[in-house]
Amino acid sequence: MSQASTDLNPESSSSSRRGLVAMLLVTVPFSQIPLDTYTPAMPDMVRELATSASLIENTVTVYMLGMALALIPVGMLSDAFGRKKILLSVSHFWF
């Protein structure tokens, strides 16, 4: 079946879109979970590690920069090979 004929079939594209939307809705919060668990522990980390608050806050900045910079090659790969394949392979690697 060609790509044009599958695009004309709304049932196949609708179920595929629903699956993709469900996968994205599950995936998107995973980038936020580390920050939600890390941020409340920051005052304890300052005390336990005997360091300054600004140094601990810098680790959050490094994490955010790492996440932002990781999106560049992953975006390029998803454009080249398809978003679903890259999302599944990255999530397999991550978990």
PDB file of N, CA and C in Angstrom:
ATOM      1  N   MET A   1       0.830  -1.171   0.000  1.00  0.00           N
ATOM      2  CA  MET A   1       0.000   0.000   0.000  1.00  0.00           C
ATOM      3  C   MET A   1       0.879   1.240   0.000  1.00  0.00           C
ATOM      4  N   SER A   2       0.577   2.181  -0.786  1.00  0.00           N
ATOM      5  CA  SER A   2       1.397   3.379  -0.859  1.00  0.00           C
ATOM      6  C   SER A   2       1.021   4.357   0.238  1.00  0.00           C
ATOM      7  N   GLN A   3       1.871   5.328   0.430  1.00  0.00           N
ATOM      8  CA  GLN A   3       1.635   6.340   1.457  1.00  0.00           C
ATOM      9  C   GLN A   3       0.372   7.136   1.151  1.00  0.00           C
ATOM     10  N   ALA A   4       0.130   7.413  -0.116  1.00  0.00           N
ATOM     11  CA  ALA A   4      -1.045   8.193  -0.496  1.00  0.00           C
ATOM     12  C   ALA A   4      -2.324   7.450  -0.151  1.00  0.00           C
ATOM     13  N   SER A   5      -2.346   6.126  -0.361  1.00  0.00           N
ATOM     14  CA  SER A   5      -3.561   5.374  -0.069  1.00  0.00           C
ATOM     15  C   SER A   5      -3.801   5.240   1.430  1.00  0.00           C
ATOM     16  N   THR A   6      -2.744   5.188   2.233  1.00  0.00           N
ATOM     17  CA  THR A   6      -2.946   5.127   3.679  1.00  0.00           C
ATOM     18  C   THR A   6      -3.394   6.479   4.226  1.00  0.00           C
ATOM     19  N   ASP A   7      -2.985   7.561   3.592  1.00  0.00           N
ATOM     20  CA  ASP A   7      -3.438   8.875   4.024  1.00  0.00           C
ATOM     21  C   ASP A   7      -4.916   9.080   3.746  1.00  0.00           C
ATOM     22  N   LEU A   8      -5.441   8.390   2.742  1.00  0.00           N
ATOM     23  CA  LEU A   8      -6.845   8.523   2.412  1.00  0.00           C
ATOM     24  C   LEU A   8      -7.730   7.713   3.344  1.00  0.00           C
ATOM     25  N   ASN A   9      -7.163   6.778   4.070  1.00  0.00           N
ATOM     26  CA  ASN A   9      -7.915   5.952   4.999  1.00  0.00           C
ATOM     27  C   ASN A   9      -7.888   6.611   6.378  1.00  0.00           C
ATOM     28  N   PRO A  10      -8.967   7.303   6.752  1.00  0.00           N
ATOM     29  CA  PRO A  10      -8.939   8.044   8.023  1.00  0.00           C
ATOM     30  C   PRO A  10      -8.894   7.139   9.244  1.00  0.00           C
ATOM     31  N   GLU A  11      -9.379   5.898   9.132  1.00  0.00           N
ATOM     32  CA  GLU A  11      -9.391   5.010  10.293  1.00  0.00           C
ATOM     33  C   GLU A  11      -7.978   4.608  10.710  1.00  0.00           C
ATOM     34  N   SER A  12      -7.117   4.296   9.728  1.00  0.00           N
ATOM     35  CA  SER A  12      -5.759   3.885  10.078  1.00  0.00           C
ATOM     36  C   SER A  12      -4.950   5.050  10.626  1.00  0.00           C
ATOM     37  N   SER A  13      -5.115   6.221  10.067  1.00  0.00           N
ATOM     38  CA  SER A  13      -4.356   7.365  10.563  1.00  0.00           C
ATOM     39  C   SER A  13      -4.892   7.847  11.904  1.00  0.00           C
ATOM     40  N   SER A  14      -6.172   7.688  12.140  1.00  0.00           N
ATOM     41  CA  SER A  14      -6.757   8.113  13.411  1.00  0.00           C
ATOM     42  C   SER A  14      -6.248   7.259  14.565  1.00  0.00           C
ATOM     43  N   SER A  15      -6.218   5.945  14.381  1.00  0.00           N
ATOM     44  CA  SER A  15      -5.734   5.086  15.461  1.00  0.00           C
ATOM     45  C   SER A  15      -4.237   5.263  15.669  1.00  0.00           C
ATOM     46  N   SER A  16      -3.504   5.509  14.585  1.00  0.00           N
ATOM     47  CA  SER A  16      -2.075   5.759  14.701  1.00  0.00           C
ATOM     48  C   SER A  16      -1.810   7.063  15.447  1.00  0.00           C
ATOM     49  N   ARG A  17      -2.599   8.074  15.158  1.00  0.00           N
ATOM     50  CA  ARG A  17      -2.440   9.364  15.853  1.00  0.00           C
ATOM     51  C   ARG A  17      -2.771   9.237  17.326  1.00  0.00           C
ATOM     52  N   ARG A  18      -3.813   8.479  17.633  1.00  0.00           N
ATOM     53  CA  ARG A  18      -4.177   8.300  19.043  1.00  0.00           C
ATOM     54  C   ARG A  18      -3.053   7.622  19.809  1.00  0.00           C
ATOM     55  N   GLY A  19      -2.436   6.626  19.194  1.00  0.00           N
ATOM     56  CA  GLY A  19      -1.318   5.945  19.839  1.00  0.00           C
ATOM     57  C   GLY A  19      -0.141   6.868  20.050  1.00  0.00           C
ATOM     58  N   LEU A  20       0.144   7.697  19.040  1.00  0.00           N
ATOM     59  CA  LEU A  20       1.245   8.647  19.148  1.00  0.00           C
ATOM     60  C   LEU A  20       0.954   9.692  20.220  1.00  0.00           C
ATOM     61  N   VAL A  21      -0.270  10.194  20.258  1.00  0.00           N
ATOM     62  CA  VAL A  21      -0.639  11.183  21.271  1.00  0.00           C
ATOM     63  C   VAL A  21      -0.536  10.578  22.669  1.00  0.00           C
ATOM     64  N   ALA A  22      -0.992   9.333  22.825  1.00  0.00           N
ATOM     65  CA  ALA A  22      -0.894   8.677  24.130  1.00  0.00           C
ATOM     66  C   ALA A  22       0.560   8.499  24.534  1.00  0.00           C
ATOM     67  N   MET A  23       1.408   8.116  23.588  1.00  0.00           N
ATOM     68  CA  MET A  23       2.826   7.928  23.882  1.00  0.00           C
ATOM     69  C   MET A  23       3.470   9.257  24.274  1.00  0.00           C
ATOM     70  N   LEU A  24       3.123  10.327  23.585  1.00  0.00           N
ATOM     71  CA  LEU A  24       3.696  11.637  23.910  1.00  0.00           C
ATOM     72  C   LEU A  24       3.199  12.147  25.257  1.00  0.00           C
ATOM     73  N   LEU A  25       1.929  11.899  25.568  1.00  0.00           N
ATOM     74  CA  LEU A  25       1.398  12.336  26.861  1.00  0.00           C
ATOM     75  C   LEU A  25       2.069  11.607  28.019  1.00  0.00           C
ATOM     76  N   VAL A  26       2.515  10.397  27.788  1.00  0.00           N
ATOM     77  CA  VAL A  26       3.228   9.656  28.822  1.00  0.00           C
ATOM     78  C   VAL A  26       4.685  10.098  28.883  1.00  0.00           C
ATOM     79  N   THR A  27       5.271  10.438  27.737  1.00  0.00           N
ATOM     80  CA  THR A  27       6.694  10.757  27.658  1.00  0.00           C
ATOM     81  C   THR A  27       7.028  12.160  28.163  1.00  0.00           C
ATOM     82  N   VAL A  28       6.206  13.123  27.869  1.00  0.00           N
ATOM     83  CA  VAL A  28       6.513  14.526  28.194  1.00  0.00           C
ATOM     84  C   VAL A  28       6.778  14.748  29.689  1.00  0.00           C
ATOM     85  N   PRO A  29       5.995  14.178  30.600  1.00  0.00           N
ATOM     86  CA  PRO A  29       6.277  14.432  32.021  1.00  0.00           C
ATOM     87  C   PRO A  29       7.605  13.880  32.523  1.00  0.00           C
ATOM     88  N   PHE A  30       8.214  12.930  31.797  1.00  0.00           N
ATOM     89  CA  PHE A  30       9.469  12.350  32.267  1.00  0.00           C
ATOM     90  C   PHE A  30      10.601  13.364  32.340  1.00  0.00           C
ATOM     91  N   SER A  31      10.536  14.416  31.570  1.00  0.00           N
ATOM     92  CA  SER A  31      11.578  15.437  31.678  1.00  0.00           C
ATOM     93  C   SER A  31      11.362  16.328  32.905  1.00  0.00           C
ATOM     94  N   GLN A  32      10.146  16.364  33.411  1.00  0.00           N
ATOM     95  CA  GLN A  32       9.826  17.215  34.554  1.00  0.00           C
ATOM     96  C   GLN A  32       9.973  16.485  35.887  1.00  0.00           C
ATOM     97  N   ILE A  33       9.844  15.182  35.890  1.00  0.00           N
ATOM     98  CA  ILE A  33       9.886  14.410  37.142  1.00  0.00           C
ATOM     99  C   ILE A  33      11.187  14.620  37.919  1.00  0.00           C
ATOM    100  N   PRO A  34      12.368  14.589  37.263  1.00  0.00           N
ATOM    101  CA  PRO A  34      13.588  14.827  38.049  1.00  0.00           C
ATOM    102  C   PRO A  34      13.614  16.189  38.740  1.00  0.00           C
ATOM    103  N   LEU A  35      13.111  17.211  38.068  1.00  0.00           N
ATOM    104  CA  LEU A  35      13.092  18.537  38.696  1.00  0.00           C
ATOM    105  C   LEU A  35      12.103  18.592  39.851  1.00  0.00           C
ATOM    106  N   ASP A  36      10.973  17.917  39.693  1.00  0.00           N
ATOM    107  CA  ASP A  36       9.976  17.920  40.769  1.00  0.00           C
ATOM    108  C   ASP A  36      10.467  17.189  42.009  1.00  0.00           C
ATOM    109  N   THR A  37      11.327  16.218  41.844  1.00  0.00           N
ATOM    110  CA  THR A  37      11.856  15.513  43.007  1.00  0.00           C
ATOM    111  C   THR A  37      13.126  16.169  43.541  1.00  0.00           C
ATOM    112  N   TYR A  38      13.859  16.816  42.681  1.00  0.00           N
ATOM    113  CA  TYR A  38      15.148  17.413  43.043  1.00  0.00           C
ATOM    114  C   TYR A  38      14.975  18.746  43.769  1.00  0.00           C
ATOM    115  N   THR A  39      14.064  19.571  43.282  1.00  0.00           N
ATOM    116  CA  THR A  39      13.907  20.925  43.821  1.00  0.00           C
ATOM    117  C   THR A  39      13.561  20.948  45.309  1.00  0.00           C
ATOM    118  N   PRO A  40      12.613  20.163  45.793  1.00  0.00           N
ATOM    119  CA  PRO A  40      12.329  20.206  47.236  1.00  0.00           C
ATOM    120  C   PRO A  40      13.497  19.734  48.107  1.00  0.00           C
ATOM    121  N   ALA A  41      14.376  18.932  47.546  1.00  0.00           N
ATOM    122  CA  ALA A  41      15.502  18.408  48.326  1.00  0.00           C
ATOM    123  C   ALA A  41      16.695  19.358  48.345  1.00  0.00           C
ATOM    124  N   MET A  42      16.638  20.449  47.632  1.00  0.00           N
ATOM    125  CA  MET A  42      17.787  21.352  47.534  1.00  0.00           C
ATOM    126  C   MET A  42      18.249  21.913  48.880  1.00  0.00           C
ATOM    127  N   PRO A  43      17.366  22.372  49.753  1.00  0.00           N
ATOM    128  CA  PRO A  43      17.858  22.867  51.056  1.00  0.00           C
ATOM    129  C   PRO A  43      18.577  21.787  51.868  1.00  0.00           C
ATOM    130  N   ASP A  44      18.062  20.560  51.804  1.00  0.00           N
ATOM    131  CA  ASP A  44      18.730  19.455  52.509  1.00  0.00           C
ATOM    132  C   ASP A  44      20.085  19.155  51.876  1.00  0.00           C
ATOM    133  N   MET A  45      20.175  19.256  50.562  1.00  0.00           N
ATOM    134  CA  MET A  45      21.435  19.004  49.870  1.00  0.00           C
ATOM    135  C   MET A  45      22.487  20.043  50.252  1.00  0.00           C
ATOM    136  N   VAL A  46      22.064  21.289  50.385  1.00  0.00           N
ATOM    137  CA  VAL A  46      22.992  22.354  50.798  1.00  0.00           C
ATOM    138  C   VAL A  46      23.545  22.030  52.180  1.00  0.00           C
ATOM    139  N   ARG A  47      22.672  21.625  53.067  1.00  0.00           N
ATOM    140  CA  ARG A  47      23.095  21.327  54.434  1.00  0.00           C
ATOM    141  C   ARG A  47      23.959  20.057  54.491  1.00  0.00           C
ATOM    142  N   GLU A  48      23.515  18.995  53.850  1.00  0.00           N
ATOM    143  CA  GLU A  48      24.229  17.715  53.924  1.00  0.00           C
ATOM    144  C   GLU A  48      25.576  17.742  53.197  1.00  0.00           C
ATOM    145  N   LEU A  49      25.633  18.465  52.088  1.00  0.00           N
ATOM    146  CA  LEU A  49      26.879  18.518  51.321  1.00  0.00           C
ATOM    147  C   LEU A  49      27.785  19.671  51.728  1.00  0.00           C
ATOM    148  N   ALA A  50      27.304  20.478  52.670  1.00  0.00           N
ATOM    149  CA  ALA A  50      28.068  21.624  53.188  1.00  0.00           C
ATOM    150  C   ALA A  50      28.576  22.502  52.045  1.00  0.00           C
ATOM    151  N   THR A  51      27.637  22.931  51.223  1.00  0.00           N
ATOM    152  CA  THR A  51      27.975  23.774  50.083  1.00  0.00           C
ATOM    153  C   THR A  51      27.004  24.950  50.035  1.00  0.00           C
ATOM    154  N   SER A  52      27.169  25.797  49.054  1.00  0.00           N
ATOM    155  CA  SER A  52      26.293  26.965  48.954  1.00  0.00           C
ATOM    156  C   SER A  52      25.051  26.642  48.127  1.00  0.00           C
ATOM    157  N   ALA A  53      24.014  27.409  48.350  1.00  0.00           N
ATOM    158  CA  ALA A  53      22.769  27.222  47.610  1.00  0.00           C
ATOM    159  C   ALA A  53      22.963  27.511  46.128  1.00  0.00           C
ATOM    160  N   SER A  54      23.805  28.471  45.808  1.00  0.00           N
ATOM    161  CA  SER A  54      24.012  28.807  44.393  1.00  0.00           C
ATOM    162  C   SER A  54      24.695  27.671  43.636  1.00  0.00           C
ATOM    163  N   LEU A  55      25.565  26.944  44.309  1.00  0.00           N
ATOM    164  CA  LEU A  55      26.209  25.800  43.663  1.00  0.00           C
ATOM    165  C   LEU A  55      25.192  24.694  43.371  1.00  0.00           C
ATOM    166  N   ILE A  56      24.302  24.436  44.302  1.00  0.00           N
ATOM    167  CA  ILE A  56      23.251  23.437  44.091  1.00  0.00           C
ATOM    168  C   ILE A  56      22.294  23.908  43.005  1.00  0.00           C
ATOM    169  N   GLU A  57      21.978  25.184  42.982  1.00  0.00           N
ATOM    170  CA  GLU A  57      21.105  25.722  41.939  1.00  0.00           C
ATOM    171  C   GLU A  57      21.752  25.612  40.561  1.00  0.00           C
ATOM    172  N   ASN A  58      23.061  25.691  40.512  1.00  0.00           N
ATOM    173  CA  ASN A  58      23.750  25.541  39.232  1.00  0.00           C
ATOM    174  C   ASN A  58      23.585  24.135  38.656  1.00  0.00           C
ATOM    175  N   THR A  59      23.417  23.144  39.521  1.00  0.00           N
ATOM    176  CA  THR A  59      23.196  21.796  39.001  1.00  0.00           C
ATOM    177  C   THR A  59      21.869  21.701  38.254  1.00  0.00           C
ATOM    178  N   VAL A  60      20.874  22.461  38.705  1.00  0.00           N
ATOM    179  CA  VAL A  60      19.598  22.503  37.980  1.00  0.00           C
ATOM    180  C   VAL A  60      19.806  23.147  36.613  1.00  0.00           C
ATOM    181  N   THR A  61      20.602  24.203  36.576  1.00  0.00           N
ATOM    182  CA  THR A  61      20.895  24.866  35.302  1.00  0.00           C
ATOM    183  C   THR A  61      21.610  23.920  34.351  1.00  0.00           C
ATOM    184  N   VAL A  62      22.561  23.176  34.853  1.00  0.00           N
ATOM    185  CA  VAL A  62      23.291  22.219  34.007  1.00  0.00           C
ATOM    186  C   VAL A  62      22.342  21.139  33.490  1.00  0.00           C
ATOM    187  N   TYR A  63      21.440  20.670  34.328  1.00  0.00           N
ATOM    188  CA  TYR A  63      20.459  19.669  33.897  1.00  0.00           C
ATOM    189  C   TYR A  63      19.579  20.224  32.771  1.00  0.00           C
ATOM    190  N   MET A  64      19.103  21.441  32.944  1.00  0.00           N
ATOM    191  CA  MET A  64      18.237  22.041  31.923  1.00  0.00           C
ATOM    192  C   MET A  64      19.000  22.274  30.621  1.00  0.00           C
ATOM    193  N   LEU A  65      20.242  22.715  30.715  1.00  0.00           N
ATOM    194  CA  LEU A  65      21.056  22.882  29.503  1.00  0.00           C
ATOM    195  C   LEU A  65      21.306  21.544  28.815  1.00  0.00           C
ATOM    196  N   GLY A  66      21.571  20.515  29.601  1.00  0.00           N
ATOM    197  CA  GLY A  66      21.771  19.183  29.035  1.00  0.00           C
ATOM    198  C   GLY A  66      20.537  18.679  28.317  1.00  0.00           C
ATOM    199  N   MET A  67      19.376  18.881  28.914  1.00  0.00           N
ATOM    200  CA  MET A  67      18.127  18.472  28.263  1.00  0.00           C
ATOM    201  C   MET A  67      17.900  19.266  26.977  1.00  0.00           C
ATOM    202  N   ALA A  68      18.178  20.556  27.017  1.00  0.00           N
ATOM    203  CA  ALA A  68      17.978  21.388  25.827  1.00  0.00           C
ATOM    204  C   ALA A  68      18.956  21.011  24.719  1.00  0.00           C
ATOM    205  N   LEU A  69      20.206  20.780  25.072  1.00  0.00           N
ATOM    206  CA  LEU A  69      21.196  20.425  24.062  1.00  0.00           C
ATOM    207  C   LEU A  69      20.979  19.017  23.513  1.00  0.00           C
ATOM    208  N   ALA A  70      20.416  18.132  24.311  1.00  0.00           N
ATOM    209  CA  ALA A  70      20.132  16.779  23.836  1.00  0.00           C
ATOM    210  C   ALA A  70      19.025  16.779  22.786  1.00  0.00           C
ATOM    211  N   LEU A  71      18.158  17.780  22.831  1.00  0.00           N
ATOM    212  CA  LEU A  71      17.068  17.828  21.865  1.00  0.00           C
ATOM    213  C   LEU A  71      17.551  18.104  20.442  1.00  0.00           C
ATOM    214  N   ILE A  72      18.691  18.737  20.292  1.00  0.00           N
ATOM    215  CA  ILE A  72      19.180  19.064  18.943  1.00  0.00           C
ATOM    216  C   ILE A  72      19.508  17.807  18.149  1.00  0.00           C
ATOM    217  N   PRO A  73      20.392  16.921  18.625  1.00  0.00           N
ATOM    218  CA  PRO A  73      20.655  15.717  17.825  1.00  0.00           C
ATOM    219  C   PRO A  73      19.454  14.776  17.749  1.00  0.00           C
ATOM    220  N   VAL A  74      18.671  14.696  18.816  1.00  0.00           N
ATOM    221  CA  VAL A  74      17.496  13.831  18.783  1.00  0.00           C
ATOM    222  C   VAL A  74      16.486  14.363  17.764  1.00  0.00           C
ATOM    223  N   GLY A  75      16.334  15.657  17.682  1.00  0.00           N
ATOM    224  CA  GLY A  75      15.441  16.251  16.678  1.00  0.00           C
ATOM    225  C   GLY A  75      15.920  15.988  15.267  1.00  0.00           C
ATOM    226  N   MET A  76      17.223  16.097  15.058  1.00  0.00           N
ATOM    227  CA  MET A  76      17.771  15.827  13.725  1.00  0.00           C
ATOM    228  C   MET A  76      17.586  14.356  13.348  1.00  0.00           C
ATOM    229  N   LEU A  77      17.804  13.466  14.303  1.00  0.00           N
ATOM    230  CA  LEU A  77      17.602  12.040  14.040  1.00  0.00           C
ATOM    231  C   LEU A  77      16.132  11.715  13.771  1.00  0.00           C
ATOM    232  N   SER A  78      15.241  12.363  14.507  1.00  0.00           N
ATOM    233  CA  SER A  78      13.821  12.089  14.290  1.00  0.00           C
ATOM    234  C   SER A  78      13.350  12.626  12.941  1.00  0.00           C
ATOM    235  N   ASP A  79      13.935  13.711  12.478  1.00  0.00           N
ATOM    236  CA  ASP A  79      13.610  14.188  11.139  1.00  0.00           C
ATOM    237  C   ASP A  79      14.112  13.224  10.074  1.00  0.00           C
ATOM    238  N   ALA A  80      15.250  12.612  10.312  1.00  0.00           N
ATOM    239  CA  ALA A  80      15.838  11.709   9.324  1.00  0.00           C
ATOM    240  C   ALA A  80      15.194  10.321   9.338  1.00  0.00           C
ATOM    241  N   PHE A  81      14.886   9.786  10.526  1.00  0.00           N
ATOM    242  CA  PHE A  81      14.429   8.399  10.621  1.00  0.00           C
ATOM    243  C   PHE A  81      12.980   8.249  11.046  1.00  0.00           C
ATOM    244  N   GLY A  82      12.344   9.318  11.435  1.00  0.00           N
ATOM    245  CA  GLY A  82      10.955   9.240  11.890  1.00  0.00           C
ATOM    246  C   GLY A  82      10.863   9.418  13.390  1.00  0.00           C
ATOM    247  N   ARG A  83       9.889  10.164  13.803  1.00  0.00           N
ATOM    248  CA  ARG A  83       9.760  10.496  15.218  1.00  0.00           C
ATOM    249  C   ARG A  83       9.434   9.285  16.086  1.00  0.00           C
ATOM    250  N   LYS A  84       8.568   8.418  15.589  1.00  0.00           N
ATOM    251  CA  LYS A  84       8.156   7.275  16.393  1.00  0.00           C
ATOM    252  C   LYS A  84       9.327   6.337  16.660  1.00  0.00           C
ATOM    253  N   LYS A  85      10.134   6.048  15.648  1.00  0.00           N
ATOM    254  CA  LYS A  85      11.281   5.158  15.829  1.00  0.00           C
ATOM    255  C   LYS A  85      12.269   5.736  16.836  1.00  0.00           C
ATOM    256  N   ILE A  86      12.554   7.013  16.712  1.00  0.00           N
ATOM    257  CA  ILE A  86      13.514   7.651  17.615  1.00  0.00           C
ATOM    258  C   ILE A  86      12.955   7.719  19.031  1.00  0.00           C
ATOM    259  N   LEU A  87      11.681   8.050  19.164  1.00  0.00           N
ATOM    260  CA  LEU A  87      11.068   8.123  20.491  1.00  0.00           C
ATOM    261  C   LEU A  87      11.113   6.769  21.178  1.00  0.00           C
ATOM    262  N   LEU A  88      10.808   5.708  20.439  1.00  0.00           N
ATOM    263  CA  LEU A  88      10.838   4.372  21.032  1.00  0.00           C
ATOM    264  C   LEU A  88      12.257   3.949  21.382  1.00  0.00           C
ATOM    265  N   SER A  89      13.215   4.242  20.504  1.00  0.00           N
ATOM    266  CA  SER A  89      14.591   3.838  20.794  1.00  0.00           C
ATOM    267  C   SER A  89      15.192   4.647  21.937  1.00  0.00           C
ATOM    268  N   VAL A  90      14.903   5.927  22.021  1.00  0.00           N
ATOM    269  CA  VAL A  90      15.412   6.747  23.120  1.00  0.00           C
ATOM    270  C   VAL A  90      14.756   6.322  24.435  1.00  0.00           C
ATOM    271  N   SER A  91      13.462   6.043  24.415  1.00  0.00           N
ATOM    272  CA  SER A  91      12.804   5.613  25.649  1.00  0.00           C
ATOM    273  C   SER A  91      13.301   4.232  26.075  1.00  0.00           C
ATOM    274  N   HIS A  92      13.628   3.385  25.108  1.00  0.00           N
ATOM    275  CA  HIS A  92      14.211   2.076  25.443  1.00  0.00           C
ATOM    276  C   HIS A  92      15.590   2.251  26.087  1.00  0.00           C
ATOM    277  N   PHE A  93      16.369   3.178  25.565  1.00  0.00           N
ATOM    278  CA  PHE A  93      17.689   3.456  26.120  1.00  0.00           C
ATOM    279  C   PHE A  93      17.566   4.090  27.506  1.00  0.00           C
ATOM    280  N   TRP A  94      16.620   4.988  27.670  1.00  0.00           N
ATOM    281  CA  TRP A  94      16.452   5.729  28.911  1.00  0.00           C
ATOM    282  C   TRP A  94      16.004   4.837  30.050  1.00  0.00           C
ATOM    283  N   PHE A  95      15.082   3.907  29.767  1.00  0.00           N
ATOM    284  CA  PHE A  95      14.524   3.059  30.816  1.00  0.00           C
ATOM    285  C   PHE A  95      15.191   1.727  30.742  1.00  0.00           C
TER     286      PHE A  95
END
